[in-house]
Amino acid sequence: MGEDLLNKFGINGKDCIMRTICEMAESRGLPFNGLLGKAFETLFLMDYGLTSTERLYEYISARTYGENNGNCASVYTGCPFSIFNLLPEDDLAALQSNHLNNIP
């Protein structure tokens, strides 16, 4: 559904959804507890109950890649933007601070 919507605007929907899943996993979710953060986590980090096994595998692969490797933009090059570019700067600063504090 999200892919189709983005495709209608001339954006590579599949790559953008995959990049978003990857980046959300890379950042270990959003550190703020606002409604927007929880909505993004629910949509992009949940285990998908999809009927298509292949699509489910792709989403899980994007999530796993983000958790283990990072640099999602280099993998999903068909998406010209990051979800984090759409967030307010205060939330981004909190996210970066939280991510750095969680590095082992």
PDB file of N, CA and C in Angstrom:
ATOM      1  N   MET A   1       0.824  -1.195   0.000  1.00  0.00           N
ATOM      2  CA  MET A   1       0.000   0.000   0.000  1.00  0.00           C
ATOM      3  C   MET A   1       0.866   1.255   0.000  1.00  0.00           C
ATOM      4  N   GLY A   2       1.839   1.347   0.924  1.00  0.00           N
ATOM      5  CA  GLY A   2       2.724   2.501   0.968  1.00  0.00           C
ATOM      6  C   GLY A   2       3.564   2.613  -0.285  1.00  0.00           C
ATOM      7  N   GLU A   3       4.010   1.468  -0.795  1.00  0.00           N
ATOM      8  CA  GLU A   3       4.801   1.465  -2.018  1.00  0.00           C
ATOM      9  C   GLU A   3       3.990   2.027  -3.175  1.00  0.00           C
ATOM     10  N   ASP A   4       2.740   1.589  -3.297  1.00  0.00           N
ATOM     11  CA  ASP A   4       1.881   2.053  -4.385  1.00  0.00           C
ATOM     12  C   ASP A   4       1.649   3.555  -4.312  1.00  0.00           C
ATOM     13  N   LEU A   5       1.449   4.068  -3.117  1.00  0.00           N
ATOM     14  CA  LEU A   5       1.230   5.500  -2.939  1.00  0.00           C
ATOM     15  C   LEU A   5       2.450   6.294  -3.386  1.00  0.00           C
ATOM     16  N   LEU A   6       3.631   5.872  -2.966  1.00  0.00           N
ATOM     17  CA  LEU A   6       4.853   6.563  -3.373  1.00  0.00           C
ATOM     18  C   LEU A   6       5.069   6.460  -4.874  1.00  0.00           C
ATOM     19  N   ASN A   7       4.776   5.305  -5.456  1.00  0.00           N
ATOM     20  CA  ASN A   7       4.920   5.124  -6.899  1.00  0.00           C
ATOM     21  C   ASN A   7       4.061   6.114  -7.674  1.00  0.00           C
ATOM     22  N   LYS A   8       2.870   6.423  -7.160  1.00  0.00           N
ATOM     23  CA  LYS A   8       1.973   7.369  -7.825  1.00  0.00           C
ATOM     24  C   LYS A   8       2.569   8.770  -7.890  1.00  0.00           C
ATOM     25  N   PHE A   9       3.481   9.081  -6.973  1.00  0.00           N
ATOM     26  CA  PHE A   9       4.145  10.379  -6.966  1.00  0.00           C
ATOM     27  C   PHE A   9       5.477  10.336  -7.707  1.00  0.00           C
ATOM     28  N   GLY A  10       5.741   9.246  -8.413  1.00  0.00           N
ATOM     29  CA  GLY A  10       6.970   9.129  -9.187  1.00  0.00           C
ATOM     30  C   GLY A  10       8.193   8.777  -8.359  1.00  0.00           C
ATOM     31  N   ILE A  11       7.970   8.259  -7.164  1.00  0.00           N
ATOM     32  CA  ILE A  11       9.065   7.879  -6.268  1.00  0.00           C
ATOM     33  C   ILE A  11       9.132   6.355  -6.246  1.00  0.00           C
ATOM     34  N   ASN A  12      10.325   5.809  -6.200  1.00  0.00           N
ATOM     35  CA  ASN A  12      10.498   4.359  -6.134  1.00  0.00           C
ATOM     36  C   ASN A  12       9.998   3.877  -4.771  1.00  0.00           C
ATOM     37  N   GLY A  13       8.740   3.461  -4.740  1.00  0.00           N
ATOM     38  CA  GLY A  13       8.096   3.092  -3.484  1.00  0.00           C
ATOM     39  C   GLY A  13       8.774   1.950  -2.765  1.00  0.00           C
ATOM     40  N   LYS A  14       9.163   0.936  -3.508  1.00  0.00           N
ATOM     41  CA  LYS A  14       9.785  -0.229  -2.874  1.00  0.00           C
ATOM     42  C   LYS A  14      11.093   0.156  -2.207  1.00  0.00           C
ATOM     43  N   ASP A  15      11.968   0.870  -2.934  1.00  0.00           N
ATOM     44  CA  ASP A  15      13.253   1.261  -2.353  1.00  0.00           C
ATOM     45  C   ASP A  15      13.069   2.185  -1.150  1.00  0.00           C
ATOM     46  N   CYS A  16      12.088   3.084  -1.214  1.00  0.00           N
ATOM     47  CA  CYS A  16      11.885   4.011  -0.090  1.00  0.00           C
ATOM     48  C   CYS A  16      11.350   3.294   1.147  1.00  0.00           C
ATOM     49  N   ILE A  17      10.460   2.338   0.963  1.00  0.00           N
ATOM     50  CA  ILE A  17       9.981   1.562   2.107  1.00  0.00           C
ATOM     51  C   ILE A  17      11.124   0.741   2.684  1.00  0.00           C
ATOM     52  N   MET A  18      11.900   0.104   1.806  1.00  0.00           N
ATOM     53  CA  MET A  18      13.022  -0.716   2.266  1.00  0.00           C
ATOM     54  C   MET A  18      14.067   0.147   2.978  1.00  0.00           C
ATOM     55  N   ARG A  19      14.375   1.323   2.418  1.00  0.00           N
ATOM     56  CA  ARG A  19      15.351   2.217   3.048  1.00  0.00           C
ATOM     57  C   ARG A  19      14.845   2.676   4.412  1.00  0.00           C
ATOM     58  N   THR A  20      13.562   2.983   4.501  1.00  0.00           N
ATOM     59  CA  THR A  20      12.992   3.430   5.771  1.00  0.00           C
ATOM     60  C   THR A  20      13.068   2.326   6.823  1.00  0.00           C
ATOM     61  N   ILE A  21      12.715   1.109   6.443  1.00  0.00           N
ATOM     62  CA  ILE A  21      12.816  -0.018   7.379  1.00  0.00           C
ATOM     63  C   ILE A  21      14.257  -0.180   7.828  1.00  0.00           C
ATOM     64  N   CYS A  22      15.185  -0.121   6.879  1.00  0.00           N
ATOM     65  CA  CYS A  22      16.611  -0.268   7.170  1.00  0.00           C
ATOM     66  C   CYS A  22      17.095   0.834   8.114  1.00  0.00           C
ATOM     67  N   GLU A  23      16.750   2.087   7.823  1.00  0.00           N
ATOM     68  CA  GLU A  23      17.208   3.211   8.651  1.00  0.00           C
ATOM     69  C   GLU A  23      16.583   3.185  10.041  1.00  0.00           C
ATOM     70  N   MET A  24      15.327   2.786  10.126  1.00  0.00           N
ATOM     71  CA  MET A  24      14.687   2.691  11.440  1.00  0.00           C
ATOM     72  C   MET A  24      15.385   1.624  12.280  1.00  0.00           C
ATOM     73  N   ALA A  25      15.720   0.501  11.652  1.00  0.00           N
ATOM     74  CA  ALA A  25      16.417  -0.564  12.373  1.00  0.00           C
ATOM     75  C   ALA A  25      17.831  -0.133  12.742  1.00  0.00           C
ATOM     76  N   GLU A  26      18.493   0.591  11.833  1.00  0.00           N
ATOM     77  CA  GLU A  26      19.852   1.077  12.103  1.00  0.00           C
ATOM     78  C   GLU A  26      19.871   1.981  13.323  1.00  0.00           C
ATOM     79  N   SER A  27      18.860   2.826  13.448  1.00  0.00           N
ATOM     80  CA  SER A  27      18.813   3.781  14.557  1.00  0.00           C
ATOM     81  C   SER A  27      18.229   3.159  15.821  1.00  0.00           C
ATOM     82  N   ARG A  28      17.848   1.900  15.731  1.00  0.00           N
ATOM     83  CA  ARG A  28      17.229   1.182  16.856  1.00  0.00           C
ATOM     84  C   ARG A  28      15.907   1.823  17.259  1.00  0.00           C
ATOM     85  N   GLY A  29      15.174   2.319  16.283  1.00  0.00           N
ATOM     86  CA  GLY A  29      13.882   2.933  16.555  1.00  0.00           C
ATOM     87  C   GLY A  29      14.038   4.401  16.895  1.00  0.00           C
ATOM     88  N   LEU A  30      12.950   5.018  17.193  1.00  0.00           N
ATOM     89  CA  LEU A  30      12.950   6.435  17.525  1.00  0.00           C
ATOM     90  C   LEU A  30      12.945   6.603  19.037  1.00  0.00           C
ATOM     91  N   PRO A  31      13.834   7.433  19.578  1.00  0.00           N
ATOM     92  CA  PRO A  31      13.966   7.542  21.023  1.00  0.00           C
ATOM     93  C   PRO A  31      12.856   8.322  21.707  1.00  0.00           C
ATOM     94  N   PHE A  32      12.150   9.143  20.957  1.00  0.00           N
ATOM     95  CA  PHE A  32      11.112   9.937  21.598  1.00  0.00           C
ATOM     96  C   PHE A  32       9.815   9.145  21.609  1.00  0.00           C
ATOM     97  N   ASN A  33       8.994   9.413  22.595  1.00  0.00           N
ATOM     98  CA  ASN A  33       7.797   8.612  22.796  1.00  0.00           C
ATOM     99  C   ASN A  33       6.544   9.241  22.222  1.00  0.00           C
ATOM    100  N   GLY A  34       6.696  10.214  21.362  1.00  0.00           N
ATOM    101  CA  GLY A  34       5.539  10.870  20.785  1.00  0.00           C
ATOM    102  C   GLY A  34       4.748   9.943  19.876  1.00  0.00           C
ATOM    103  N   LEU A  35       3.584  10.386  19.513  1.00  0.00           N
ATOM    104  CA  LEU A  35       2.702   9.604  18.663  1.00  0.00           C
ATOM    105  C   LEU A  35       3.356   9.302  17.317  1.00  0.00           C
ATOM    106  N   LEU A  36       4.037  10.288  16.736  1.00  0.00           N
ATOM    107  CA  LEU A  36       4.691  10.082  15.444  1.00  0.00           C
ATOM    108  C   LEU A  36       5.762   9.003  15.533  1.00  0.00           C
ATOM    109  N   GLY A  37       6.583   9.061  16.563  1.00  0.00           N
ATOM    110  CA  GLY A  37       7.634   8.063  16.735  1.00  0.00           C
ATOM    111  C   GLY A  37       7.072   6.669  16.897  1.00  0.00           C
ATOM    112  N   LYS A  38       6.045   6.544  17.711  1.00  0.00           N
ATOM    113  CA  LYS A  38       5.431   5.232  17.916  1.00  0.00           C
ATOM    114  C   LYS A  38       4.773   4.718  16.637  1.00  0.00           C
ATOM    115  N   ALA A  39       4.159   5.620  15.882  1.00  0.00           N
ATOM    116  CA  ALA A  39       3.525   5.208  14.627  1.00  0.00           C
ATOM    117  C   ALA A  39       4.560   4.685  13.642  1.00  0.00           C
ATOM    118  N   PHE A  40       5.689   5.404  13.507  1.00  0.00           N
ATOM    119  CA  PHE A  40       6.748   4.942  12.605  1.00  0.00           C
ATOM    120  C   PHE A  40       7.293   3.590  13.054  1.00  0.00           C
ATOM    121  N   GLU A  41       7.540   3.438  14.330  1.00  0.00           N
ATOM    122  CA  GLU A  41       8.063   2.162  14.823  1.00  0.00           C
ATOM    123  C   GLU A  41       7.082   1.027  14.551  1.00  0.00           C
ATOM    124  N   THR A  42       5.813   1.277  14.781  1.00  0.00           N
ATOM    125  CA  THR A  42       4.808   0.247  14.560  1.00  0.00           C
ATOM    126  C   THR A  42       4.741  -0.148  13.095  1.00  0.00           C
ATOM    127  N   LEU A  43       4.759   0.841  12.215  1.00  0.00           N
ATOM    128  CA  LEU A  43       4.633   0.556  10.789  1.00  0.00           C
ATOM    129  C   LEU A  43       5.870  -0.091  10.190  1.00  0.00           C
ATOM    130  N   PHE A  44       7.043   0.367  10.594  1.00  0.00           N
ATOM    131  CA  PHE A  44       8.253  -0.043   9.895  1.00  0.00           C
ATOM    132  C   PHE A  44       9.110  -1.071  10.618  1.00  0.00           C
ATOM    133  N   LEU A  45       8.917  -1.280  11.900  1.00  0.00           N
ATOM    134  CA  LEU A  45       9.765  -2.231  12.609  1.00  0.00           C
ATOM    135  C   LEU A  45       9.026  -3.471  13.081  1.00  0.00           C
ATOM    136  N   MET A  46       7.738  -3.520  12.820  1.00  0.00           N
ATOM    137  CA  MET A  46       6.999  -4.697  13.262  1.00  0.00           C
ATOM    138  C   MET A  46       7.332  -5.884  12.359  1.00  0.00           C
ATOM    139  N   ASP A  47       7.034  -7.057  12.838  1.00  0.00           N
ATOM    140  CA  ASP A  47       7.152  -8.245  12.001  1.00  0.00           C
ATOM    141  C   ASP A  47       5.892  -8.300  11.147  1.00  0.00           C
ATOM    142  N   TYR A  48       6.073  -8.219   9.854  1.00  0.00           N
ATOM    143  CA  TYR A  48       4.951  -8.115   8.937  1.00  0.00           C
ATOM    144  C   TYR A  48       4.237  -9.445   8.772  1.00  0.00           C
ATOM    145  N   GLY A  49       2.931  -9.423   8.866  1.00  0.00           N
ATOM    146  CA  GLY A  49       2.130 -10.611   8.619  1.00  0.00           C
ATOM    147  C   GLY A  49       1.659 -10.608   7.177  1.00  0.00           C
ATOM    148  N   LEU A  50       2.570 -10.577   6.262  1.00  0.00           N
ATOM    149  CA  LEU A  50       2.234 -10.485   4.848  1.00  0.00           C
ATOM    150  C   LEU A  50       1.961 -11.867   4.270  1.00  0.00           C
ATOM    151  N   THR A  51       1.153 -11.890   3.230  1.00  0.00           N
ATOM    152  CA  THR A  51       0.870 -13.152   2.570  1.00  0.00           C
ATOM    153  C   THR A  51       1.997 -13.540   1.624  1.00  0.00           C
ATOM    154  N   SER A  52       2.709 -12.575   1.112  1.00  0.00           N
ATOM    155  CA  SER A  52       3.805 -12.863   0.196  1.00  0.00           C
ATOM    156  C   SER A  52       5.080 -13.153   0.985  1.00  0.00           C
ATOM    157  N   THR A  53       5.509 -14.391   0.952  1.00  0.00           N
ATOM    158  CA  THR A  53       6.716 -14.782   1.676  1.00  0.00           C
ATOM    159  C   THR A  53       7.930 -14.032   1.155  1.00  0.00           C
ATOM    160  N   GLU A  54       7.983 -13.840  -0.156  1.00  0.00           N
ATOM    161  CA  GLU A  54       9.126 -13.135  -0.745  1.00  0.00           C
ATOM    162  C   GLU A  54       9.205 -11.696  -0.239  1.00  0.00           C
ATOM    163  N   ARG A  55       8.079 -11.001  -0.197  1.00  0.00           N
ATOM    164  CA  ARG A  55       8.070  -9.613   0.267  1.00  0.00           C
ATOM    165  C   ARG A  55       8.431  -9.549   1.746  1.00  0.00           C
ATOM    166  N   LEU A  56       7.910 -10.467   2.526  1.00  0.00           N
ATOM    167  CA  LEU A  56       8.240 -10.526   3.946  1.00  0.00           C
ATOM    168  C   LEU A  56       9.743 -10.709   4.126  1.00  0.00           C
ATOM    169  N   TYR A  57      10.334 -11.591   3.348  1.00  0.00           N
ATOM    170  CA  TYR A  57      11.776 -11.829   3.416  1.00  0.00           C
ATOM    171  C   TYR A  57      12.551 -10.553   3.085  1.00  0.00           C
ATOM    172  N   GLU A  58      12.085  -9.807   2.075  1.00  0.00           N
ATOM    173  CA  GLU A  58      12.756  -8.557   1.701  1.00  0.00           C
ATOM    174  C   GLU A  58      12.708  -7.550   2.844  1.00  0.00           C
ATOM    175  N   TYR A  59      11.563  -7.414   3.490  1.00  0.00           N
ATOM    176  CA  TYR A  59      11.432  -6.466   4.594  1.00  0.00           C
ATOM    177  C   TYR A  59      12.303  -6.873   5.784  1.00  0.00           C
ATOM    178  N   ILE A  60      12.307  -8.153   6.086  1.00  0.00           N
ATOM    179  CA  ILE A  60      13.144  -8.625   7.192  1.00  0.00           C
ATOM    180  C   ILE A  60      14.619  -8.444   6.855  1.00  0.00           C
ATOM    181  N   SER A  61      14.983  -8.663   5.592  1.00  0.00           N
ATOM    182  CA  SER A  61      16.375  -8.455   5.164  1.00  0.00           C
ATOM    183  C   SER A  61      16.784  -6.993   5.316  1.00  0.00           C
ATOM    184  N   ALA A  62      15.888  -6.068   4.963  1.00  0.00           N
ATOM    185  CA  ALA A  62      16.182  -4.640   5.114  1.00  0.00           C
ATOM    186  C   ALA A  62      16.370  -4.296   6.586  1.00  0.00           C
ATOM    187  N   ARG A  63      15.518  -4.839   7.422  1.00  0.00           N
ATOM    188  CA  ARG A  63      15.623  -4.590   8.865  1.00  0.00           C
ATOM    189  C   ARG A  63      16.936  -5.150   9.414  1.00  0.00           C
ATOM    190  N   THR A  64      17.269  -6.366   9.034  1.00  0.00           N
ATOM    191  CA  THR A  64      18.496  -7.011   9.505  1.00  0.00           C
ATOM    192  C   THR A  64      19.727  -6.264   9.014  1.00  0.00           C
ATOM    193  N   TYR A  65      19.705  -5.820   7.751  1.00  0.00           N
ATOM    194  CA  TYR A  65      20.838  -5.070   7.212  1.00  0.00           C
ATOM    195  C   TYR A  65      21.052  -3.794   8.023  1.00  0.00           C
ATOM    196  N   GLY A  66      19.973  -3.079   8.303  1.00  0.00           N
ATOM    197  CA  GLY A  66      20.082  -1.850   9.085  1.00  0.00           C
ATOM    198  C   GLY A  66      20.629  -2.095  10.473  1.00  0.00           C
ATOM    199  N   GLU A  67      20.157  -3.145  11.124  1.00  0.00           N
ATOM    200  CA  GLU A  67      20.622  -3.464  12.479  1.00  0.00           C
ATOM    201  C   GLU A  67      22.101  -3.828  12.503  1.00  0.00           C
ATOM    202  N   ASN A  68      22.566  -4.525  11.483  1.00  0.00           N
ATOM    203  CA  ASN A  68      23.927  -5.058  11.486  1.00  0.00           C
ATOM    204  C   ASN A  68      24.963  -4.210  10.756  1.00  0.00           C
ATOM    205  N   ASN A  69      24.547  -3.454   9.746  1.00  0.00           N
ATOM    206  CA  ASN A  69      25.516  -2.771   8.891  1.00  0.00           C
ATOM    207  C   ASN A  69      25.373  -1.255   8.834  1.00  0.00           C
ATOM    208  N   GLY A  70      24.156  -0.759   8.782  1.00  0.00           N
ATOM    209  CA  GLY A  70      23.942   0.670   8.604  1.00  0.00           C
ATOM    210  C   GLY A  70      24.200   1.086   7.169  1.00  0.00           C
ATOM    211  N   ASN A  71      24.356   2.379   6.949  1.00  0.00           N
ATOM    212  CA  ASN A  71      24.599   2.943   5.619  1.00  0.00           C
ATOM    213  C   ASN A  71      23.543   2.473   4.617  1.00  0.00           C
ATOM    214  N   CYS A  72      22.292   2.595   4.988  1.00  0.00           N
ATOM    215  CA  CYS A  72      21.177   2.100   4.188  1.00  0.00           C
ATOM    216  C   CYS A  72      21.038   2.824   2.852  1.00  0.00           C
ATOM    217  N   ALA A  73      21.437   4.085   2.786  1.00  0.00           N
ATOM    218  CA  ALA A  73      21.325   4.852   1.547  1.00  0.00           C
ATOM    219  C   ALA A  73      22.148   4.231   0.429  1.00  0.00           C
ATOM    220  N   SER A  74      23.253   3.594   0.773  1.00  0.00           N
ATOM    221  CA  SER A  74      24.102   2.994  -0.261  1.00  0.00           C
ATOM    222  C   SER A  74      23.500   1.711  -0.823  1.00  0.00           C
ATOM    223  N   VAL A  75      22.571   1.112  -0.098  1.00  0.00           N
ATOM    224  CA  VAL A  75      21.938  -0.124  -0.556  1.00  0.00           C
ATOM    225  C   VAL A  75      20.650   0.177  -1.317  1.00  0.00           C
ATOM    226  N   TYR A  76      19.873   1.121  -0.819  1.00  0.00           N
ATOM    227  CA  TYR A  76      18.583   1.457  -1.422  1.00  0.00           C
ATOM    228  C   TYR A  76      18.706   2.789  -2.157  1.00  0.00           C
ATOM    229  N   THR A  77      19.453   2.762  -3.237  1.00  0.00           N
ATOM    230  CA  THR A  77      19.793   3.979  -3.979  1.00  0.00           C
ATOM    231  C   THR A  77      18.631   4.536  -4.795  1.00  0.00           C
ATOM    232  N   GLY A  78      17.573   3.767  -4.957  1.00  0.00           N
ATOM    233  CA  GLY A  78      16.423   4.241  -5.714  1.00  0.00           C
ATOM    234  C   GLY A  78      15.562   5.222  -4.943  1.00  0.00           C
ATOM    235  N   CYS A  79      15.837   5.391  -3.661  1.00  0.00           N
ATOM    236  CA  CYS A  79      15.075   6.323  -2.827  1.00  0.00           C
ATOM    237  C   CYS A  79      15.911   7.576  -2.595  1.00  0.00           C
ATOM    238  N   PRO A  80      15.429   8.735  -3.037  1.00  0.00           N
ATOM    239  CA  PRO A  80      16.227   9.957  -2.961  1.00  0.00           C
ATOM    240  C   PRO A  80      16.223  10.662  -1.605  1.00  0.00           C
ATOM    241  N   PHE A  81      15.512  10.140  -0.612  1.00  0.00           N
ATOM    242  CA  PHE A  81      15.439  10.837   0.671  1.00  0.00           C
ATOM    243  C   PHE A  81      15.440   9.851   1.830  1.00  0.00           C
ATOM    244  N   SER A  82      15.784  10.371   2.987  1.00  0.00           N
ATOM    245  CA  SER A  82      15.746   9.601   4.223  1.00  0.00           C
ATOM    246  C   SER A  82      14.557  10.066   5.048  1.00  0.00           C
ATOM    247  N   ILE A  83      13.919   9.152   5.724  1.00  0.00           N
ATOM    248  CA  ILE A  83      12.809   9.507   6.609  1.00  0.00           C
ATOM    249  C   ILE A  83      13.270  10.497   7.674  1.00  0.00           C
ATOM    250  N   PHE A  84      14.539  10.415   8.049  1.00  0.00           N
ATOM    251  CA  PHE A  84      15.060  11.289   9.089  1.00  0.00           C
ATOM    252  C   PHE A  84      15.217  12.728   8.616  1.00  0.00           C
ATOM    253  N   ASN A  85      15.227  12.954   7.302  1.00  0.00           N
ATOM    254  CA  ASN A  85      15.248  14.323   6.780  1.00  0.00           C
ATOM    255  C   ASN A  85      13.886  14.987   6.930  1.00  0.00           C
ATOM    256  N   LEU A  86      12.866  14.208   7.208  1.00  0.00           N
ATOM    257  CA  LEU A  86      11.513  14.738   7.365  1.00  0.00           C
ATOM    258  C   LEU A  86      11.170  15.055   8.814  1.00  0.00           C
ATOM    259  N   LEU A  87      12.047  14.665   9.737  1.00  0.00           N
ATOM    260  CA  LEU A  87      11.802  14.874  11.166  1.00  0.00           C
ATOM    261  C   LEU A  87      12.292  16.248  11.618  1.00  0.00           C
ATOM    262  N   PRO A  88      11.641  16.838  12.627  1.00  0.00           N
ATOM    263  CA  PRO A  88      12.125  18.102  13.192  1.00  0.00           C
ATOM    264  C   PRO A  88      13.535  17.935  13.758  1.00  0.00           C
ATOM    265  N   GLU A  89      14.331  19.006  13.730  1.00  0.00           N
ATOM    266  CA  GLU A  89      15.731  18.935  14.157  1.00  0.00           C
ATOM    267  C   GLU A  89      15.904  18.500  15.608  1.00  0.00           C
ATOM    268  N   ASP A  90      15.015  18.915  16.498  1.00  0.00           N
ATOM    269  CA  ASP A  90      15.121  18.505  17.906  1.00  0.00           C
ATOM    270  C   ASP A  90      15.010  16.991  18.046  1.00  0.00           C
ATOM    271  N   ASP A  91      14.099  16.399  17.281  1.00  0.00           N
ATOM    272  CA  ASP A  91      13.932  14.951  17.332  1.00  0.00           C
ATOM    273  C   ASP A  91      15.142  14.244  16.746  1.00  0.00           C
ATOM    274  N   LEU A  92      15.717  14.820  15.690  1.00  0.00           N
ATOM    275  CA  LEU A  92      16.923  14.233  15.095  1.00  0.00           C
ATOM    276  C   LEU A  92      18.082  14.267  16.071  1.00  0.00           C
ATOM    277  N   ALA A  93      18.242  15.376  16.779  1.00  0.00           N
ATOM    278  CA  ALA A  93      19.330  15.489  17.757  1.00  0.00           C
ATOM    279  C   ALA A  93      19.154  14.454  18.862  1.00  0.00           C
ATOM    280  N   ALA A  94      17.925  14.264  19.309  1.00  0.00           N
ATOM    281  CA  ALA A  94      17.659  13.259  20.340  1.00  0.00           C
ATOM    282  C   ALA A  94      17.957  11.862  19.814  1.00  0.00           C
ATOM    283  N   LEU A  95      17.606  11.617  18.565  1.00  0.00           N
ATOM    284  CA  LEU A  95      17.862  10.318  17.960  1.00  0.00           C
ATOM    285  C   LEU A  95      19.353  10.042  17.869  1.00  0.00           C
ATOM    286  N   GLN A  96      20.121  11.020  17.403  1.00  0.00           N
ATOM    287  CA  GLN A  96      21.564  10.831  17.269  1.00  0.00           C
ATOM    288  C   GLN A  96      22.206  10.627  18.635  1.00  0.00           C
ATOM    289  N   SER A  97      21.777  11.368  19.620  1.00  0.00           N
ATOM    290  CA  SER A  97      22.315  11.223  20.965  1.00  0.00           C
ATOM    291  C   SER A  97      22.005   9.835  21.520  1.00  0.00           C
ATOM    292  N   ASN A  98      20.778   9.388  21.333  1.00  0.00           N
ATOM    293  CA  ASN A  98      20.371   8.071  21.810  1.00  0.00           C
ATOM    294  C   ASN A  98      21.148   6.972  21.095  1.00  0.00           C
ATOM    295  N   HIS A  99      21.338   7.107  19.797  1.00  0.00           N
ATOM    296  CA  HIS A  99      22.058   6.096  19.014  1.00  0.00           C
ATOM    297  C   HIS A  99      23.505   5.999  19.486  1.00  0.00           C
ATOM    298  N   LEU A 100      24.138   7.124  19.718  1.00  0.00           N
ATOM    299  CA  LEU A 100      25.532   7.110  20.157  1.00  0.00           C
ATOM    300  C   LEU A 100      25.669   6.506  21.548  1.00  0.00           C
ATOM    301  N   ASN A 101      24.677   6.730  22.393  1.00  0.00           N
ATOM    302  CA  ASN A 101      24.719   6.173  23.747  1.00  0.00           C
ATOM    303  C   ASN A 101      24.497   4.662  23.771  1.00  0.00           C
ATOM    304  N   ASN A 102      23.916   4.119  22.700  1.00  0.00           N
ATOM    305  CA  ASN A 102      23.624   2.682  22.656  1.00  0.00           C
ATOM    306  C   ASN A 102      24.680   1.872  21.924  1.00  0.00           C
ATOM    307  N   ILE A 103      25.729   2.514  21.448  1.00  0.00           N
ATOM    308  CA  ILE A 103      26.790   1.790  20.750  1.00  0.00           C
ATOM    309  C   ILE A 103      27.637   1.063  21.781  1.00  0.00           C
ATOM    310  N   PRO A 104      27.814  -0.268  21.610  1.00  0.00           N
ATOM    311  CA  PRO A 104      28.595  -1.037  22.600  1.00  0.00           C
ATOM    312  C   PRO A 104      30.068  -0.680  22.577  1.00  0.00           C
TER     313      PRO A 104
END
